Amino acid sequence: MSGSAIVRVDDIIRVHARNLASEPALTCGEVRLTYRELDEYVSQISAALHAAGVGHGDRIAVLGKNSLPYFGLYFATARIGAIMVPLNYWNRVAQHVDVLADVTPHLFFHDPEYAEAAQAAITDAAVDAAVVELEPWGVGPVEGSEWQQFLSAASSTPPESAWPDVSPDDPHMILFTSGTTGRSKGAILTHERTVSDAFSMAAVLGVRQSDVYGNWFTPFHVGNWDHQKFFLIMGAHVVLYPQFDPKVVLDAIQRHRVTVMLTVPIMIQQVMDHPDFGRTDTSSLRLIYFGAYDPSGIMDRAADTFGARRGEVEMLHTYGLTEGGCIVTACPADRMFEKWGSVGRPIPGVEVRLVDEGRDVAVGEPGEILVRGPRMAGYWNRAAESAQALADGWLHTGDVAVSDAQGFLRIVDRKKDMIRSGGQNVYSKEVEDCLATHPQVREVAVIGLPDPVYEEAVCAVVVRRDPGGADDLATQLAEYVRARLAGYNTPRKVFLVDELPKNSLGKILKPELRRSYGSMFDVQS
């Protein structure tokens, strides 16, 4: 038996409902809930799920932006031992179908704006799931809405004592991320993993109960649920917005006196460049933390603009991944400028090795980052890929780093074929598979190029079937991808070539393409 009162995800709210009953927990538009009120709301949703026949281990899928019902579903599914599966609202119907067919949800919730896509996806996936439309962000109860009807069906539900027992080892969420094979993979996240990481990172960030955290990150991304938990577990206040917009961020900072902000370079650049920035009072900010490569120096500019070098605000650089806790390493505020560009050292409770060909590398020598500590339980229905990712009890990240004599890490390369663009992961194989279906594409390789705004830009190098074909083929190919995959997968550059470099076995040599066209790691400070 754990000595902690918080061992499951829903305990985060339950315990504070007793200890911090009247303290603000969540603001969503004009709706503001204390910890006691939020716990009552979570219990109401839990009862409704139970009444709808959702049991231990059942999955529910959600397609929508941040909202009060979505937030409540996260904790309610955890409370009854069910598993929440967020869907990427930037994806197309075919990608939703792939996920739905994989997890076979018992219920499917969606925002009003995604009603058509939700119905098409559930039909094409041939999944027998009831569909419920949510109420959008910032509104109170809407009489007669599908969501209110869903909640009211729980009036005769048995008491909580009749609900399933939930173990810290049980999964509570599956977060899908594409893979180098081109197929979506769902990282299975357990209660223990999520709670352990929350305590560790709350300590690293120095979270205070008086903190106000602004959350405008997409709910299908680890940057949403896993980062707001750092603040909720300490009893702080989360202000929730449906999505990122620079004006929304500035308004939130000034109106709600936001104290801590998570960002990526493209976001903070848009905030600094917004016309309202100069007349917005940002003095409430005490900490800006980020987790991104920054070859163009945007975060360096942010350090000057927000006064980090003058001691007016702290900055902290992290490294993590969905399959991890979600944070693996952090460069603390008091070492940031001494170790600028470093992602720091392992956070408490995490062990890291740098390995090359099975051996631990020396200081200054590159090696793949292997992690032991809070992490996913594996990939949903992907036994072989799970075994590979978690070989020998270590999470193999696919990222390559070097360590200095004090153990501070610097990312220098990737083993896995992945591109970071605008804070999103783009997997080359998924884009390549899409482009390969175009009738004018004979061969294609996708790589990432340095980009001053997006960290990396998706670049497609294409051998066309007809060298004398359409002059606008590059534009056609970009639109072809945009119509079939989430927009951030769209190639920003398309190079038409006569042939791709290959080895003697016919494998395309992407390192040669990166040497020819550029790699962000070549320009990283």
Protein backbone atom coordinates (compact mmCIF):
# COMPACT_ATOMS: atom_id res chain seq x y z
CA MET A 1 0.00 0.00 0.00
CA SER A 2 1.40 3.36 -1.04
CA GLY A 3 1.92 5.96 1.68
CA SER A 4 0.71 8.71 -0.64
CA ALA A 5 -2.90 9.84 -0.83
CA ILE A 6 -2.41 10.46 -4.55
CA VAL A 7 -1.74 7.19 -6.36
CA ARG A 8 -4.28 7.47 -9.19
CA VAL A 9 -4.92 10.28 -11.63
CA ASP A 10 -8.35 11.11 -10.20
CA ASP A 11 -6.83 11.39 -6.71
CA ILE A 12 -5.23 14.65 -7.89
CA ILE A 13 -8.66 16.28 -7.78
CA ARG A 14 -10.22 14.16 -5.01
CA VAL A 15 -7.59 14.95 -2.38
CA HIS A 16 -7.63 18.68 -3.07
CA ALA A 17 -11.44 18.67 -2.84
CA ARG A 18 -10.91 17.89 0.84
CA ASN A 19 -7.76 19.91 1.55
CA LEU A 20 -8.25 22.93 -0.74
CA ALA A 21 -12.03 22.83 -1.13
CA SER A 22 -12.63 26.52 -1.82
CA GLU A 23 -9.45 27.22 -3.80
CA PRO A 24 -9.76 27.85 -7.56
CA ALA A 25 -8.97 24.76 -9.62
CA LEU A 26 -10.16 25.48 -13.16
CA THR A 27 -11.33 28.47 -15.18
CA CYS A 28 -12.88 27.75 -18.57
CA GLY A 29 -14.35 30.86 -20.18
CA GLU A 30 -16.87 32.28 -17.72
CA VAL A 31 -17.00 29.02 -15.76
CA ARG A 32 -14.79 28.93 -12.66
CA LEU A 33 -14.70 25.86 -10.41
CA THR A 34 -13.13 25.30 -7.00
CA TYR A 35 -11.49 21.98 -6.24
CA ARG A 36 -14.64 20.78 -4.42
CA GLU A 37 -16.86 21.81 -7.35
CA LEU A 38 -14.50 20.21 -9.86
CA ASP A 39 -14.47 16.95 -7.89
CA GLU A 40 -18.28 16.94 -7.83
CA TYR A 41 -18.32 17.51 -11.60
CA VAL A 42 -15.87 14.63 -12.15
CA SER A 43 -18.03 12.36 -9.98
CA GLN A 44 -21.10 13.33 -12.00
CA ILE A 45 -19.37 12.40 -15.26
CA SER A 46 -18.03 9.19 -13.71
CA ALA A 47 -21.56 8.19 -12.72
CA ALA A 48 -22.81 8.95 -16.24
CA LEU A 49 -20.07 6.80 -17.77
CA HIS A 50 -20.93 3.98 -15.38
CA ALA A 51 -24.62 4.31 -16.25
CA ALA A 52 -23.72 4.11 -19.95
CA GLY A 53 -22.09 0.75 -19.34
CA VAL A 54 -18.47 1.90 -19.39
CA GLY A 55 -16.44 -0.49 -17.27
CA HIS A 56 -12.89 -1.18 -16.18
CA GLY A 57 -10.53 -1.11 -19.17
CA ASP A 58 -13.15 0.17 -21.64
CA ARG A 59 -12.04 2.90 -24.00
CA ILE A 60 -13.80 6.17 -24.75
CA ALA A 61 -12.66 8.30 -27.71
CA VAL A 62 -12.87 12.11 -27.80
CA LEU A 63 -12.60 14.36 -30.86
CA GLY A 64 -12.56 17.98 -29.83
CA LYS A 65 -10.71 21.02 -28.55
CA ASN A 66 -10.21 21.84 -24.88
CA SER A 67 -13.47 22.28 -22.98
CA LEU A 68 -14.92 21.73 -19.54
CA PRO A 69 -16.56 18.38 -20.48
CA TYR A 70 -13.32 17.14 -22.09
CA PHE A 71 -11.35 18.13 -19.00
CA GLY A 72 -13.86 16.33 -16.80
CA LEU A 73 -13.77 13.19 -18.93
CA TYR A 74 -10.00 12.90 -18.39
CA PHE A 75 -10.43 12.52 -14.63
CA ALA A 76 -13.76 10.68 -14.77
CA THR A 77 -12.48 7.86 -16.96
CA ALA A 78 -9.55 7.49 -14.57
CA ARG A 79 -11.93 7.35 -11.60
CA ILE A 80 -13.83 4.31 -12.93
CA GLY A 81 -10.84 2.53 -14.47
CA ALA A 82 -11.71 3.37 -18.07
CA ILE A 83 -9.25 4.66 -20.68
CA MET A 84 -9.54 7.94 -22.56
CA VAL A 85 -8.35 8.10 -26.18
CA PRO A 86 -7.95 11.67 -27.53
CA LEU A 87 -8.21 12.02 -31.32
CA ASN A 88 -6.22 14.54 -33.33
CA TYR A 89 -8.73 17.06 -34.70
CA TRP A 90 -6.23 18.07 -37.38
CA ASN A 91 -6.32 14.57 -38.83
CA ARG A 92 -8.57 13.47 -41.66
CA VAL A 93 -11.41 10.94 -41.37
CA ALA A 94 -9.28 8.03 -42.61
CA GLN A 95 -6.82 8.60 -39.75
CA HIS A 96 -9.66 8.70 -37.21
CA VAL A 97 -10.92 5.42 -38.65
CA ASP A 98 -7.54 3.79 -38.10
CA VAL A 99 -7.51 4.78 -34.41
CA LEU A 100 -11.16 3.90 -33.75
CA ALA A 101 -10.81 0.48 -35.34
CA ASP A 102 -7.73 -0.12 -33.21
CA VAL A 103 -9.15 0.82 -29.80
CA THR A 104 -12.86 -0.07 -30.39
CA PRO A 105 -14.32 2.56 -28.02
CA HIS A 106 -17.48 2.06 -26.00
CA LEU A 107 -18.40 5.75 -26.36
CA PHE A 108 -17.33 8.45 -28.82
CA PHE A 109 -17.56 12.11 -27.74
CA HIS A 110 -17.06 15.00 -30.16
CA ASP A 111 -17.30 18.78 -30.41
CA PRO A 112 -20.20 20.19 -32.48
CA GLU A 113 -17.81 21.38 -35.19
CA TYR A 114 -16.57 17.82 -35.74
CA ALA A 115 -19.99 16.14 -35.91
CA GLU A 116 -19.73 15.25 -39.59
CA ALA A 117 -16.19 13.87 -39.30
CA ALA A 118 -17.12 11.91 -36.16
CA GLN A 119 -20.11 10.25 -37.78
CA ALA A 120 -18.17 9.40 -40.92
CA ALA A 121 -15.30 7.95 -38.90
CA ILE A 122 -17.47 5.80 -36.63
CA THR A 123 -19.37 4.48 -39.66
CA ASP A 124 -16.25 3.67 -41.69
CA ALA A 125 -14.56 2.05 -38.69
CA ALA A 126 -17.61 -0.20 -38.20
CA VAL A 127 -17.38 0.32 -34.44
CA ASP A 128 -20.46 -0.14 -32.28
CA ALA A 129 -20.10 2.95 -30.09
CA ALA A 130 -22.68 5.45 -28.91
CA VAL A 131 -21.88 8.99 -30.10
CA VAL A 132 -22.35 12.01 -27.79
CA GLU A 133 -21.90 15.66 -28.76
CA LEU A 134 -20.06 17.77 -26.17
CA GLU A 135 -20.71 21.34 -25.15
CA PRO A 136 -17.94 23.65 -26.40
CA TRP A 137 -15.40 25.62 -24.38
CA GLY A 138 -16.52 28.39 -22.09
CA VAL A 139 -20.25 27.72 -21.84
CA GLY A 140 -22.26 26.54 -18.87
CA PRO A 141 -24.90 23.81 -19.01
CA VAL A 142 -26.94 23.98 -22.23
CA GLU A 143 -30.42 22.69 -21.50
CA GLY A 144 -31.38 19.78 -23.72
CA SER A 145 -27.88 19.28 -25.18
CA GLU A 146 -26.66 15.74 -25.82
CA TRP A 147 -24.03 16.23 -23.10
CA GLN A 148 -26.65 17.23 -20.51
CA GLN A 149 -28.82 14.29 -21.51
CA PHE A 150 -25.81 12.01 -21.07
CA LEU A 151 -25.15 13.40 -17.57
CA SER A 152 -28.82 13.20 -16.50
CA ALA A 153 -29.00 9.48 -17.34
CA ALA A 154 -26.95 8.77 -14.21
CA SER A 155 -29.67 9.72 -11.71
CA SER A 156 -30.18 6.14 -10.55
CA THR A 157 -26.58 4.99 -10.74
CA PRO A 158 -25.20 2.88 -7.86
CA PRO A 159 -22.89 4.67 -5.38
CA GLU A 160 -19.15 4.99 -5.99
CA SER A 161 -18.56 1.95 -3.79
CA ALA A 162 -20.08 -0.12 -6.60
CA TRP A 163 -17.62 1.16 -9.19
CA PRO A 164 -14.64 -0.98 -10.25
CA ASP A 165 -11.45 -1.08 -8.20
CA VAL A 166 -8.68 0.83 -9.96
CA SER A 167 -4.98 0.05 -9.53
CA PRO A 168 -2.09 2.50 -10.04
CA ASP A 169 -0.81 0.04 -12.67
CA ASP A 170 -3.99 0.33 -14.73
CA PRO A 171 -3.98 2.42 -17.93
CA HIS A 172 -5.94 5.66 -17.91
CA MET A 173 -5.12 7.08 -21.37
CA ILE A 174 -3.86 6.08 -24.79
CA LEU A 175 -2.11 8.87 -26.70
CA PHE A 176 -1.65 8.15 -30.38
CA THR A 177 1.42 9.21 -32.27
CA SER A 178 2.45 8.13 -35.74
CA GLY A 179 5.52 5.99 -36.07
CA THR A 180 8.42 5.43 -38.40
CA THR A 181 6.45 2.55 -39.90
CA GLY A 182 3.78 5.02 -40.98
CA ARG A 183 1.08 3.46 -38.77
CA SER A 184 -0.36 5.22 -35.77
CA LYS A 185 0.76 3.86 -32.40
CA GLY A 186 -1.01 4.39 -29.11
CA ALA A 187 1.22 4.92 -26.08
CA ILE A 188 -0.48 3.33 -23.04
CA LEU A 189 -0.15 5.60 -20.00
CA THR A 190 -0.77 4.24 -16.50
CA HIS A 191 -1.89 6.05 -13.35
CA GLU A 192 1.46 5.37 -11.66
CA ARG A 193 3.43 6.78 -14.57
CA THR A 194 1.36 9.96 -14.72
CA VAL A 195 1.31 10.62 -10.97
CA SER A 196 5.03 9.90 -10.44
CA ASP A 197 6.05 12.26 -13.22
CA ALA A 198 3.72 14.95 -11.90
CA PHE A 199 5.38 15.01 -8.48
CA SER A 200 8.88 15.07 -9.99
CA MET A 201 8.21 17.89 -12.42
CA ALA A 202 6.25 19.95 -9.90
CA ALA A 203 9.43 19.90 -7.80
CA VAL A 204 11.66 20.79 -10.76
CA LEU A 205 9.42 23.72 -11.75
CA GLY A 206 8.99 24.84 -8.16
CA VAL A 207 5.20 24.90 -8.56
CA ARG A 208 3.33 26.92 -5.93
CA GLN A 209 -0.30 26.65 -4.91
CA SER A 210 -0.62 30.31 -5.84
CA ASP A 211 0.46 29.62 -9.45
CA VAL A 212 -1.87 30.24 -12.37
CA TYR A 213 -1.09 28.08 -15.40
CA GLY A 214 -2.47 28.90 -18.86
CA ASN A 215 -3.23 25.82 -20.98
CA TRP A 216 -3.94 26.29 -24.68
CA PHE A 217 -2.20 23.14 -25.92
CA THR A 218 -3.99 20.59 -28.09
CA PRO A 219 -5.67 17.80 -26.07
CA PHE A 220 -4.34 15.06 -28.34
CA HIS A 221 -0.77 16.04 -27.39
CA VAL A 222 1.26 15.18 -24.33
CA GLY A 223 1.84 18.93 -23.87
CA ASN A 224 -1.75 19.30 -22.68
CA TRP A 225 -2.73 16.74 -20.03
CA ASP A 226 0.76 15.94 -18.82
CA HIS A 227 1.77 19.56 -18.24
CA GLN A 228 -1.35 20.88 -16.55
CA LYS A 229 -1.08 17.97 -14.07
CA PHE A 230 2.16 19.50 -12.69
CA PHE A 231 0.04 22.37 -11.38
CA LEU A 232 -3.10 20.48 -10.43
CA ILE A 233 -1.16 18.03 -8.29
CA MET A 234 0.11 20.98 -6.23
CA GLY A 235 -3.32 22.57 -5.92
CA ALA A 236 -2.64 25.45 -8.29
CA HIS A 237 -5.10 27.08 -10.73
CA VAL A 238 -5.42 26.11 -14.41
CA VAL A 239 -6.95 28.49 -16.95
CA LEU A 240 -8.11 26.49 -19.98
CA TYR A 241 -8.51 27.71 -23.56
CA PRO A 242 -9.70 25.74 -26.60
CA GLN A 243 -6.52 26.29 -28.57
CA PHE A 244 -3.46 28.49 -29.00
CA ASP A 245 -3.82 32.02 -30.31
CA PRO A 246 -1.27 34.75 -29.50
CA LYS A 247 -3.97 37.28 -28.59
CA VAL A 248 -5.64 34.70 -26.34
CA VAL A 249 -2.32 34.14 -24.58
CA LEU A 250 -1.76 37.84 -24.00
CA ASP A 251 -5.31 38.35 -22.77
CA ALA A 252 -4.97 35.39 -20.41
CA ILE A 253 -1.71 36.62 -18.92
CA GLN A 254 -3.16 40.04 -18.20
CA ARG A 255 -6.69 39.04 -17.17
CA HIS A 256 -5.88 35.98 -15.05
CA ARG A 257 -2.35 36.99 -13.98
CA VAL A 258 -0.83 33.81 -15.41
CA THR A 259 2.41 33.00 -13.59
CA VAL A 260 3.78 30.04 -15.56
CA MET A 261 3.77 29.46 -19.30
CA LEU A 262 4.80 26.42 -21.33
CA THR A 263 5.79 27.27 -24.88
CA VAL A 264 7.59 26.23 -28.05
CA PRO A 265 9.54 28.65 -30.29
CA ILE A 266 6.78 29.22 -32.87
CA MET A 267 4.26 30.07 -30.14
CA ILE A 268 6.36 32.54 -28.22
CA GLN A 269 7.51 34.19 -31.45
CA GLN A 270 3.88 34.83 -32.41
CA VAL A 271 3.20 36.20 -28.93
CA MET A 272 6.18 38.57 -29.09
CA ASP A 273 5.29 39.68 -32.62
CA HIS A 274 1.61 40.35 -31.85
CA PRO A 275 0.61 44.06 -32.04
CA ASP A 276 -0.79 43.88 -28.48
CA PHE A 277 2.42 42.57 -26.92
CA GLY A 278 3.92 45.95 -26.08
CA ARG A 279 0.80 47.15 -24.28
CA THR A 280 0.12 43.92 -22.37
CA ASP A 281 1.13 43.64 -18.71
CA THR A 282 3.13 40.41 -18.51
CA SER A 283 4.65 41.16 -15.11
CA SER A 284 2.75 38.28 -13.46
CA LEU A 285 4.92 35.73 -15.30
CA ARG A 286 7.55 34.19 -13.05
CA LEU A 287 8.51 31.17 -15.20
CA ILE A 288 8.63 30.34 -18.91
CA TYR A 289 9.60 26.78 -19.71
CA PHE A 290 9.96 25.11 -23.06
CA GLY A 291 10.91 21.85 -24.72
CA ALA A 292 12.06 22.33 -28.28
CA TYR A 293 15.03 22.63 -30.55
CA ASP A 294 15.78 26.25 -31.35
CA PRO A 295 18.25 26.57 -34.22
CA SER A 296 17.02 30.06 -35.08
CA GLY A 297 17.50 31.62 -31.63
CA ILE A 298 13.86 32.46 -30.93
CA MET A 299 14.18 31.45 -27.27
CA ASP A 300 17.32 33.55 -26.99
CA ARG A 301 15.26 36.54 -28.14
CA ALA A 302 12.52 35.58 -25.67
CA ALA A 303 15.06 35.55 -22.83
CA ASP A 304 15.90 39.19 -23.59
CA THR A 305 12.33 40.28 -24.33
CA PHE A 306 10.83 38.86 -21.12
CA GLY A 307 13.80 39.92 -19.00
CA ALA A 308 15.15 36.49 -18.08
CA ARG A 309 18.74 37.70 -18.23
CA ARG A 310 17.77 40.60 -15.97
CA GLY A 311 16.22 38.27 -13.41
CA GLU A 312 12.65 39.43 -14.12
CA VAL A 313 11.45 35.94 -15.10
CA GLU A 314 12.96 32.46 -14.94
CA MET A 315 13.40 30.14 -17.91
CA LEU A 316 13.75 26.37 -17.92
CA HIS A 317 14.50 23.99 -20.82
CA THR A 318 13.10 20.44 -20.82
CA TYR A 319 13.32 17.31 -22.94
CA GLY A 320 10.67 14.63 -23.03
CA LEU A 321 8.44 12.44 -25.16
CA THR A 322 4.98 10.90 -25.10
CA GLU A 323 6.39 7.49 -24.28
CA GLY A 324 8.27 8.90 -21.28
CA GLY A 325 6.96 10.45 -18.12
CA CYS A 326 6.50 12.98 -20.13
CA ILE A 327 9.65 14.83 -19.00
CA VAL A 328 13.03 13.11 -18.94
CA THR A 329 15.53 15.92 -18.38
CA ALA A 330 15.45 19.58 -17.41
CA CYS A 331 17.98 22.39 -17.37
CA PRO A 332 17.08 24.37 -14.24
CA ALA A 333 16.61 28.11 -14.24
CA ASP A 334 19.77 28.77 -12.22
CA ARG A 335 21.92 26.99 -14.84
CA MET A 336 20.09 28.04 -18.03
CA PHE A 337 22.47 30.71 -19.26
CA GLU A 338 25.56 28.85 -18.14
CA LYS A 339 24.33 25.78 -20.09
CA TRP A 340 22.32 27.51 -22.80
CA GLY A 341 21.08 25.02 -25.41
CA SER A 342 21.36 22.06 -23.06
CA VAL A 343 18.24 20.08 -22.14
CA GLY A 344 19.77 19.55 -18.72
CA ARG A 345 20.08 16.47 -16.55
CA PRO A 346 17.59 13.73 -15.60
CA ILE A 347 14.78 14.90 -13.33
CA PRO A 348 14.29 13.18 -9.94
CA GLY A 349 13.13 9.58 -10.35
CA VAL A 350 14.57 9.23 -13.86
CA GLU A 351 17.75 7.43 -14.93
CA VAL A 352 19.38 8.10 -18.31
CA ARG A 353 22.07 6.30 -20.30
CA LEU A 354 23.69 7.32 -23.58
CA VAL A 355 24.35 4.19 -25.61
CA ASP A 356 25.93 3.36 -28.96
CA GLU A 357 25.88 -0.20 -30.29
CA GLY A 358 25.06 -1.57 -26.85
CA ARG A 359 27.81 0.25 -24.93
CA ASP A 360 27.65 3.34 -22.72
CA VAL A 361 29.47 6.20 -24.43
CA ALA A 362 32.10 8.49 -22.94
CA VAL A 363 31.66 12.17 -22.11
CA GLY A 364 31.33 14.18 -25.32
CA GLU A 365 30.55 11.09 -27.41
CA PRO A 366 27.10 10.80 -29.04
CA GLY A 367 24.75 8.06 -27.93
CA GLU A 368 21.06 7.22 -28.03
CA ILE A 369 19.12 8.37 -24.96
CA LEU A 370 17.82 5.40 -22.95
CA VAL A 371 15.45 6.11 -20.06
CA ARG A 372 14.38 4.24 -16.96
CA GLY A 373 11.67 5.74 -14.75
CA PRO A 374 8.04 6.80 -15.35
CA ARG A 375 7.14 5.73 -18.88
CA MET A 376 4.44 4.16 -21.03
CA ALA A 377 3.42 0.55 -20.46
CA GLY A 378 3.80 -0.12 -24.18
CA TYR A 379 2.00 0.52 -27.47
CA TRP A 380 -1.64 -0.54 -27.79
CA ASN A 381 -1.91 -3.76 -29.82
CA ARG A 382 1.74 -3.40 -30.92
CA ALA A 383 3.59 -6.15 -29.05
CA ALA A 384 6.65 -6.24 -31.30
CA GLU A 385 7.10 -2.47 -31.35
CA SER A 386 6.55 -2.31 -27.58
CA ALA A 387 9.27 -4.90 -27.00
CA GLN A 388 11.65 -2.98 -29.23
CA ALA A 389 10.96 0.38 -27.56
CA LEU A 390 11.29 -1.08 -24.04
CA ALA A 391 14.11 -3.56 -24.65
CA ASP A 392 16.06 -4.60 -21.54
CA GLY A 393 13.82 -2.51 -19.29
CA TRP A 394 14.90 0.81 -20.84
CA LEU A 395 12.84 3.16 -23.01
CA HIS A 396 14.79 3.64 -26.26
CA THR A 397 13.97 7.20 -27.33
CA GLY A 398 15.61 7.29 -30.74
CA ASP A 399 17.13 10.67 -29.87
CA VAL A 400 20.91 11.06 -29.80
CA ALA A 401 22.70 13.32 -27.31
CA VAL A 402 26.13 14.10 -25.92
CA SER A 403 26.88 14.74 -22.26
CA ASP A 404 29.35 17.19 -20.77
CA ALA A 405 31.48 16.39 -17.72
CA GLN A 406 28.67 17.52 -15.39
CA GLY A 407 26.03 15.34 -17.04
CA PHE A 408 24.21 18.10 -18.94
CA LEU A 409 22.83 16.73 -22.21
CA ARG A 410 22.65 18.32 -25.62
CA ILE A 411 20.54 16.77 -28.41
CA VAL A 412 22.61 16.27 -31.56
CA ASP A 413 20.68 13.87 -33.80
CA ARG A 414 17.82 11.41 -34.14
CA LYS A 415 17.90 7.72 -34.87
CA LYS A 416 14.18 7.58 -35.58
CA ASP A 417 12.91 9.15 -38.75
CA MET A 418 10.97 12.01 -37.21
CA ILE A 419 10.70 15.76 -37.82
CA ARG A 420 9.74 18.39 -35.24
CA SER A 421 7.66 21.10 -36.91
CA GLY A 422 5.83 23.79 -34.97
CA GLY A 423 5.77 21.68 -31.82
CA GLN A 424 4.25 18.66 -33.63
CA ASN A 425 5.91 15.35 -34.48
CA VAL A 426 5.92 14.58 -38.20
CA TYR A 427 6.94 11.05 -39.14
CA SER A 428 8.64 10.85 -42.50
CA LYS A 429 7.24 7.43 -43.36
CA GLU A 430 3.65 8.61 -43.00
CA VAL A 431 4.24 11.49 -45.43
CA GLU A 432 6.24 9.27 -47.78
CA ASP A 433 3.46 6.67 -47.85
CA CYS A 434 0.96 9.37 -48.72
CA LEU A 435 3.09 10.88 -51.52
CA ALA A 436 3.85 7.42 -52.92
CA THR A 437 0.18 7.02 -53.87
CA HIS A 438 0.32 10.06 -56.16
CA PRO A 439 0.40 8.87 -59.80
CA GLN A 440 3.34 11.16 -60.68
CA VAL A 441 5.63 9.98 -57.86
CA ARG A 442 8.10 7.19 -58.60
CA GLU A 443 10.17 7.50 -55.42
CA VAL A 444 10.19 9.88 -52.47
CA ALA A 445 12.18 10.62 -49.32
CA VAL A 446 11.06 13.07 -46.64
CA ILE A 447 13.50 14.90 -44.33
CA GLY A 448 13.44 17.92 -42.04
CA LEU A 449 15.22 21.17 -42.90
CA PRO A 450 16.10 23.99 -40.48
CA ASP A 451 13.33 26.58 -40.27
CA PRO A 452 13.56 29.93 -38.43
CA VAL A 453 9.94 29.68 -37.22
CA TYR A 454 8.90 26.02 -37.14
CA GLU A 455 12.19 24.48 -35.85
CA GLU A 456 12.14 22.16 -38.86
CA ALA A 457 10.28 22.31 -42.16
CA VAL A 458 9.02 19.16 -43.86
CA CYS A 459 10.92 18.63 -47.12
CA ALA A 460 10.09 16.04 -49.79
CA VAL A 461 12.70 14.93 -52.31
CA VAL A 462 10.81 13.35 -55.21
CA VAL A 463 11.69 11.35 -58.33
CA ARG A 464 8.75 11.79 -60.71
CA ARG A 465 7.50 9.20 -63.14
CA ASP A 466 7.38 11.60 -66.08
CA PRO A 467 10.36 14.01 -66.14
CA GLY A 468 8.48 16.13 -68.63
CA GLY A 469 5.31 16.34 -66.56
CA ALA A 470 3.47 19.26 -65.02
CA ASP A 471 5.52 22.31 -64.08
CA ASP A 472 3.48 22.79 -60.91
CA LEU A 473 3.98 19.23 -59.62
CA ALA A 474 5.69 20.45 -56.44
CA THR A 475 2.61 22.52 -55.55
CA GLN A 476 0.30 19.64 -56.46
CA LEU A 477 2.17 17.28 -54.15
CA ALA A 478 1.99 19.66 -51.21
CA GLU A 479 -1.78 20.02 -51.67
CA TYR A 480 -2.10 16.25 -52.10
CA VAL A 481 -0.64 15.69 -48.63
CA ARG A 482 -2.66 18.52 -47.07
CA ALA A 483 -5.89 16.92 -48.29
CA ARG A 484 -5.06 13.56 -46.72
CA LEU A 485 -3.04 14.21 -43.55
CA ALA A 486 -3.02 16.77 -40.76
CA GLY A 487 -1.80 20.09 -42.14
CA TYR A 488 1.53 20.08 -40.28
CA ASN A 489 2.59 17.09 -42.42
CA THR A 490 2.45 19.20 -45.60
CA PRO A 491 5.88 19.60 -47.26
CA ARG A 492 6.99 23.22 -47.21
CA LYS A 493 9.60 22.41 -49.83
CA VAL A 494 9.49 19.83 -52.62
CA PHE A 495 12.64 19.08 -54.60
CA LEU A 496 12.24 17.23 -57.92
CA VAL A 497 15.32 15.13 -58.70
CA ASP A 498 16.39 12.51 -61.20
CA GLU A 499 17.39 9.94 -58.58
CA LEU A 500 17.79 9.40 -54.84
CA PRO A 501 21.08 8.32 -53.26
CA LYS A 502 21.01 4.62 -52.28
CA ASN A 503 23.31 1.99 -50.84
CA SER A 504 24.15 -1.33 -52.48
CA LEU A 505 20.93 -2.87 -51.13
CA GLY A 506 18.79 -0.11 -52.62
CA LYS A 507 18.08 1.67 -49.34
CA ILE A 508 17.69 5.44 -49.64
CA LEU A 509 20.53 7.23 -47.84
CA LYS A 510 18.83 10.00 -45.90
CA PRO A 511 22.07 11.14 -44.25
CA GLU A 512 23.30 12.09 -47.71
CA LEU A 513 20.08 14.01 -48.39
CA ARG A 514 20.48 15.86 -45.11
CA ARG A 515 24.07 16.71 -46.00
CA SER A 516 22.87 18.01 -49.37
CA TYR A 517 19.84 19.98 -48.23
CA GLY A 518 20.66 20.72 -44.59
CA SER A 519 19.89 19.48 -41.08
CA MET A 520 18.85 21.52 -38.06
CA PHE A 521 21.47 19.77 -36.01
CA ASP A 522 24.17 21.30 -38.21
CA VAL A 523 23.14 24.78 -37.06
CA GLN A 524 22.12 24.13 -33.45
CA SER A 525 23.94 26.39 -31.04
